[in-house]
Amino acid sequence: MTSRLNVPDLCFAVFLVALGALAFALSGQLSIGSAAAMGPGYVPRGLSAIVMIYGLALGIRAIFSGRQSFPEIALRPILLTSAAVALFAVMLPLVGLAITSFAVVICSGFAAYDVRLRENAVVALILSAFGVLLFVKALGLPIPIWWR
């Protein structure tokens, strides 16, 4: 039976069950209430139960779906995406939204293996302008556009 095991799906199923169990345990102190008068723990417990049930169903399917080994993990996308998040956190208060969003798009763009610098820079410029127009101008959020 182990020769038919789908390892990636089984690992994700274990993750979902663990995540659902953690959420269920963390919402244990909240009162549930009833469907007519929902307490603060009603939705978290319900959602965690749904996540655990889905994880169990995925785990059962992984046992019978056919052999598949765990894929090789590509570090470049993981590292550059994490670096882009860190760049956003560090740069936004220092240099403002325009430069920060440009740098984040450039950094995260190189997570792909077929990226071209010129195309990435054009996309970064467009997304940076769009972010400033949307968040600062249209929504009026108090985010600095440039450094002060």
C-alpha atoms as a PDB file:
ATOM      1  CA  MET A   1       0.000   0.000   0.000  1.00  0.00           C
ATOM      2  CA  THR A   2       2.911   2.402   0.547  1.00  0.00           C
ATOM      3  CA  SER A   3       3.879   2.076  -3.101  1.00  0.00           C
ATOM      4  CA  ARG A   4       0.684   3.957  -3.993  1.00  0.00           C
ATOM      5  CA  LEU A   5       1.333   6.829  -1.567  1.00  0.00           C
ATOM      6  CA  ASN A   6       1.142  10.424  -2.782  1.00  0.00           C
ATOM      7  CA  VAL A   7       3.683  12.043  -0.451  1.00  0.00           C
ATOM      8  CA  PRO A   8       3.073  15.756  -1.264  1.00  0.00           C
ATOM      9  CA  ASP A   9      -0.674  15.461  -0.743  1.00  0.00           C
ATOM     10  CA  LEU A  10      -0.177  13.450   2.424  1.00  0.00           C
ATOM     11  CA  CYS A  11       2.201  16.072   3.843  1.00  0.00           C
ATOM     12  CA  PHE A  12      -0.286  18.841   3.055  1.00  0.00           C
ATOM     13  CA  ALA A  13      -3.074  16.796   4.647  1.00  0.00           C
ATOM     14  CA  VAL A  14      -1.051  16.433   7.844  1.00  0.00           C
ATOM     15  CA  PHE A  15      -0.390  20.189   7.788  1.00  0.00           C
ATOM     16  CA  LEU A  16      -4.104  20.972   7.402  1.00  0.00           C
ATOM     17  CA  VAL A  17      -5.129  18.653  10.217  1.00  0.00           C
ATOM     18  CA  ALA A  18      -2.444  20.138  12.492  1.00  0.00           C
ATOM     19  CA  LEU A  19      -3.454  23.690  11.585  1.00  0.00           C
ATOM     20  CA  GLY A  20      -7.116  22.940  12.211  1.00  0.00           C
ATOM     21  CA  ALA A  21      -6.315  21.271  15.524  1.00  0.00           C
ATOM     22  CA  LEU A  22      -4.223  24.261  16.600  1.00  0.00           C
ATOM     23  CA  ALA A  23      -7.013  26.692  15.712  1.00  0.00           C
ATOM     24  CA  PHE A  24      -9.544  24.497  17.489  1.00  0.00           C
ATOM     25  CA  ALA A  25      -7.366  24.387  20.611  1.00  0.00           C
ATOM     26  CA  LEU A  26      -6.722  28.138  20.571  1.00  0.00           C
ATOM     27  CA  SER A  27     -10.445  28.866  20.345  1.00  0.00           C
ATOM     28  CA  GLY A  28     -11.180  26.481  23.227  1.00  0.00           C
ATOM     29  CA  GLN A  29     -11.650  29.234  25.809  1.00  0.00           C
ATOM     30  CA  LEU A  30     -14.229  31.060  23.681  1.00  0.00           C
ATOM     31  CA  SER A  31     -17.904  30.305  24.152  1.00  0.00           C
ATOM     32  CA  ILE A  32     -19.619  28.697  21.177  1.00  0.00           C
ATOM     33  CA  GLY A  33     -23.206  29.781  21.691  1.00  0.00           C
ATOM     34  CA  SER A  34     -25.817  28.538  19.240  1.00  0.00           C
ATOM     35  CA  ALA A  35     -26.682  29.151  15.607  1.00  0.00           C
ATOM     36  CA  ALA A  36     -29.239  31.756  16.670  1.00  0.00           C
ATOM     37  CA  ALA A  37     -26.907  33.482  19.143  1.00  0.00           C
ATOM     38  CA  MET A  38     -23.361  32.833  17.989  1.00  0.00           C
ATOM     39  CA  GLY A  39     -20.599  33.252  20.496  1.00  0.00           C
ATOM     40  CA  PRO A  40     -17.062  34.408  19.692  1.00  0.00           C
ATOM     41  CA  GLY A  41     -15.876  30.802  19.304  1.00  0.00           C
ATOM     42  CA  TYR A  42     -18.598  29.666  16.902  1.00  0.00           C
ATOM     43  CA  VAL A  43     -16.938  30.604  13.597  1.00  0.00           C
ATOM     44  CA  PRO A  44     -13.317  29.772  14.567  1.00  0.00           C
ATOM     45  CA  ARG A  45     -14.295  26.318  15.758  1.00  0.00           C
ATOM     46  CA  GLY A  46     -16.473  25.700  12.722  1.00  0.00           C
ATOM     47  CA  LEU A  47     -13.749  26.770  10.308  1.00  0.00           C
ATOM     48  CA  SER A  48     -11.114  24.733  12.108  1.00  0.00           C
ATOM     49  CA  ALA A  49     -13.371  21.671  11.947  1.00  0.00           C
ATOM     50  CA  ILE A  50     -13.872  22.221   8.206  1.00  0.00           C
ATOM     51  CA  VAL A  51     -10.094  22.520   7.685  1.00  0.00           C
ATOM     52  CA  MET A  52      -9.474  19.302   9.645  1.00  0.00           C
ATOM     53  CA  ILE A  53     -12.188  17.412   7.703  1.00  0.00           C
ATOM     54  CA  TYR A  54     -10.728  18.613   4.414  1.00  0.00           C
ATOM     55  CA  GLY A  55      -7.262  17.520   5.581  1.00  0.00           C
ATOM     56  CA  LEU A  56      -8.562  14.070   6.487  1.00  0.00           C
ATOM     57  CA  ALA A  57     -10.276  13.726   3.100  1.00  0.00           C
ATOM     58  CA  LEU A  58      -7.100  14.823   1.318  1.00  0.00           C
ATOM     59  CA  GLY A  59      -5.065  12.355   3.385  1.00  0.00           C
ATOM     60  CA  ILE A  60      -7.356   9.473   2.477  1.00  0.00           C
ATOM     61  CA  ARG A  61      -7.159  10.456  -1.177  1.00  0.00           C
ATOM     62  CA  ALA A  62      -3.348  10.660  -0.933  1.00  0.00           C
ATOM     63  CA  ILE A  63      -3.181   7.063   0.234  1.00  0.00           C
ATOM     64  CA  PHE A  64      -5.044   5.737  -2.799  1.00  0.00           C
ATOM     65  CA  SER A  65      -4.280   8.255  -5.572  1.00  0.00           C
ATOM     66  CA  GLY A  66      -1.026   6.834  -6.824  1.00  0.00           C
ATOM     67  CA  ARG A  67       2.670   7.089  -6.154  1.00  0.00           C
ATOM     68  CA  GLN A  68       4.211  10.512  -6.269  1.00  0.00           C
ATOM     69  CA  SER A  69       7.451  11.495  -4.600  1.00  0.00           C
ATOM     70  CA  PHE A  70       8.105  14.788  -2.871  1.00  0.00           C
ATOM     71  CA  PRO A  71       9.339  17.362  -5.396  1.00  0.00           C
ATOM     72  CA  GLU A  72      12.686  19.079  -5.149  1.00  0.00           C
ATOM     73  CA  ILE A  73      12.420  22.362  -3.266  1.00  0.00           C
ATOM     74  CA  ALA A  74      13.547  25.419  -5.217  1.00  0.00           C
ATOM     75  CA  LEU A  75      15.249  27.803  -2.814  1.00  0.00           C
ATOM     76  CA  ARG A  76      15.520  30.827  -5.098  1.00  0.00           C
ATOM     77  CA  PRO A  77      11.778  31.657  -5.149  1.00  0.00           C
ATOM     78  CA  ILE A  78      11.439  31.085  -1.412  1.00  0.00           C
ATOM     79  CA  LEU A  79      14.426  33.242  -0.516  1.00  0.00           C
ATOM     80  CA  LEU A  80      13.643  36.098  -2.912  1.00  0.00           C
ATOM     81  CA  THR A  81       9.981  36.244  -1.936  1.00  0.00           C
ATOM     82  CA  SER A  82      10.955  36.318   1.738  1.00  0.00           C
ATOM     83  CA  ALA A  83      13.519  39.010   0.976  1.00  0.00           C
ATOM     84  CA  ALA A  84      10.834  41.063  -0.801  1.00  0.00           C
ATOM     85  CA  VAL A  85       8.610  40.922   2.284  1.00  0.00           C
ATOM     86  CA  ALA A  86      11.545  41.970   4.476  1.00  0.00           C
ATOM     87  CA  LEU A  87      12.388  44.787   2.066  1.00  0.00           C
ATOM     88  CA  PHE A  88       8.844  46.088   2.310  1.00  0.00           C
ATOM     89  CA  ALA A  89       8.930  46.064   6.105  1.00  0.00           C
ATOM     90  CA  VAL A  90      12.296  47.806   6.310  1.00  0.00           C
ATOM     91  CA  MET A  91      12.049  50.266   3.428  1.00  0.00           C
ATOM     92  CA  LEU A  92       8.488  51.612   3.711  1.00  0.00           C
ATOM     93  CA  PRO A  93       9.052  53.827   6.753  1.00  0.00           C
ATOM     94  CA  LEU A  94      12.423  54.988   5.430  1.00  0.00           C
ATOM     95  CA  VAL A  95      11.904  55.791   1.746  1.00  0.00           C
ATOM     96  CA  GLY A  96       8.143  55.784   1.155  1.00  0.00           C
ATOM     97  CA  LEU A  97       5.719  53.760  -0.907  1.00  0.00           C
ATOM     98  CA  ALA A  98       6.960  54.625  -4.406  1.00  0.00           C
ATOM     99  CA  ILE A  99      10.542  53.441  -4.008  1.00  0.00           C
ATOM    100  CA  THR A 100       9.598  50.585  -1.676  1.00  0.00           C
ATOM    101  CA  SER A 101       7.058  49.092  -4.058  1.00  0.00           C
ATOM    102  CA  PHE A 102       9.493  49.455  -6.965  1.00  0.00           C
ATOM    103  CA  ALA A 103      12.221  47.607  -5.006  1.00  0.00           C
ATOM    104  CA  VAL A 104       9.819  44.896  -3.829  1.00  0.00           C
ATOM    105  CA  VAL A 105       8.610  44.164  -7.368  1.00  0.00           C
ATOM    106  CA  ILE A 106      12.188  44.051  -8.689  1.00  0.00           C
ATOM    107  CA  CYS A 107      13.254  41.683  -5.901  1.00  0.00           C
ATOM    108  CA  SER A 108      10.263  39.376  -6.160  1.00  0.00           C
ATOM    109  CA  GLY A 109      10.418  39.414  -9.955  1.00  0.00           C
ATOM    110  CA  PHE A 110      13.778  37.695  -9.863  1.00  0.00           C
ATOM    111  CA  ALA A 111      12.180  34.750  -8.068  1.00  0.00           C
ATOM    112  CA  ALA A 112      11.194  33.565 -11.543  1.00  0.00           C
ATOM    113  CA  TYR A 113      13.936  31.967 -13.592  1.00  0.00           C
ATOM    114  CA  ASP A 114      13.002  33.577 -16.915  1.00  0.00           C
ATOM    115  CA  VAL A 115      12.826  37.214 -15.797  1.00  0.00           C
ATOM    116  CA  ARG A 116      14.315  40.019 -17.839  1.00  0.00           C
ATOM    117  CA  LEU A 117      15.532  43.155 -16.091  1.00  0.00           C
ATOM    118  CA  ARG A 118      13.946  45.619 -18.523  1.00  0.00           C
ATOM    119  CA  GLU A 119      10.523  43.960 -18.403  1.00  0.00           C
ATOM    120  CA  ASN A 120      10.733  43.633 -14.631  1.00  0.00           C
ATOM    121  CA  ALA A 121      11.605  47.334 -14.292  1.00  0.00           C
ATOM    122  CA  VAL A 122       8.634  48.371 -16.458  1.00  0.00           C
ATOM    123  CA  VAL A 123       6.269  46.213 -14.407  1.00  0.00           C
ATOM    124  CA  ALA A 124       7.767  47.588 -11.190  1.00  0.00           C
ATOM    125  CA  LEU A 125       7.299  51.172 -12.379  1.00  0.00           C
ATOM    126  CA  ILE A 126       3.679  50.568 -13.382  1.00  0.00           C
ATOM    127  CA  LEU A 127       2.826  48.734 -10.153  1.00  0.00           C
ATOM    128  CA  SER A 128       4.554  51.370  -8.058  1.00  0.00           C
ATOM    129  CA  ALA A 129       2.548  54.152  -9.706  1.00  0.00           C
ATOM    130  CA  PHE A 130      -0.644  52.126  -9.365  1.00  0.00           C
ATOM    131  CA  GLY A 131       0.041  51.480  -5.669  1.00  0.00           C
ATOM    132  CA  VAL A 132       0.594  55.176  -4.975  1.00  0.00           C
ATOM    133  CA  LEU A 133      -2.537  56.161  -6.900  1.00  0.00           C
ATOM    134  CA  LEU A 134      -4.675  53.515  -5.231  1.00  0.00           C
ATOM    135  CA  PHE A 135      -3.537  53.589  -1.616  1.00  0.00           C
ATOM    136  CA  VAL A 136      -2.494  57.210  -1.165  1.00  0.00           C
ATOM    137  CA  LYS A 137      -4.603  59.163  -3.647  1.00  0.00           C
ATOM    138  CA  ALA A 138      -7.812  57.122  -4.032  1.00  0.00           C
ATOM    139  CA  LEU A 139      -8.108  55.570  -0.568  1.00  0.00           C
ATOM    140  CA  GLY A 140      -6.400  58.408   1.291  1.00  0.00           C
ATOM    141  CA  LEU A 141      -4.226  56.173   3.462  1.00  0.00           C
ATOM    142  CA  PRO A 142      -1.551  58.058   5.420  1.00  0.00           C
ATOM    143  CA  ILE A 143       1.405  56.350   3.752  1.00  0.00           C
ATOM    144  CA  PRO A 144       4.362  58.535   2.782  1.00  0.00           C
ATOM    145  CA  ILE A 145       5.046  58.482  -0.952  1.00  0.00           C
ATOM    146  CA  TRP A 146       8.675  59.619  -0.714  1.00  0.00           C
ATOM    147  CA  TRP A 147      11.223  59.827   2.061  1.00  0.00           C
ATOM    148  CA  ARG A 148      10.987  62.804   4.381  1.00  0.00           C
END
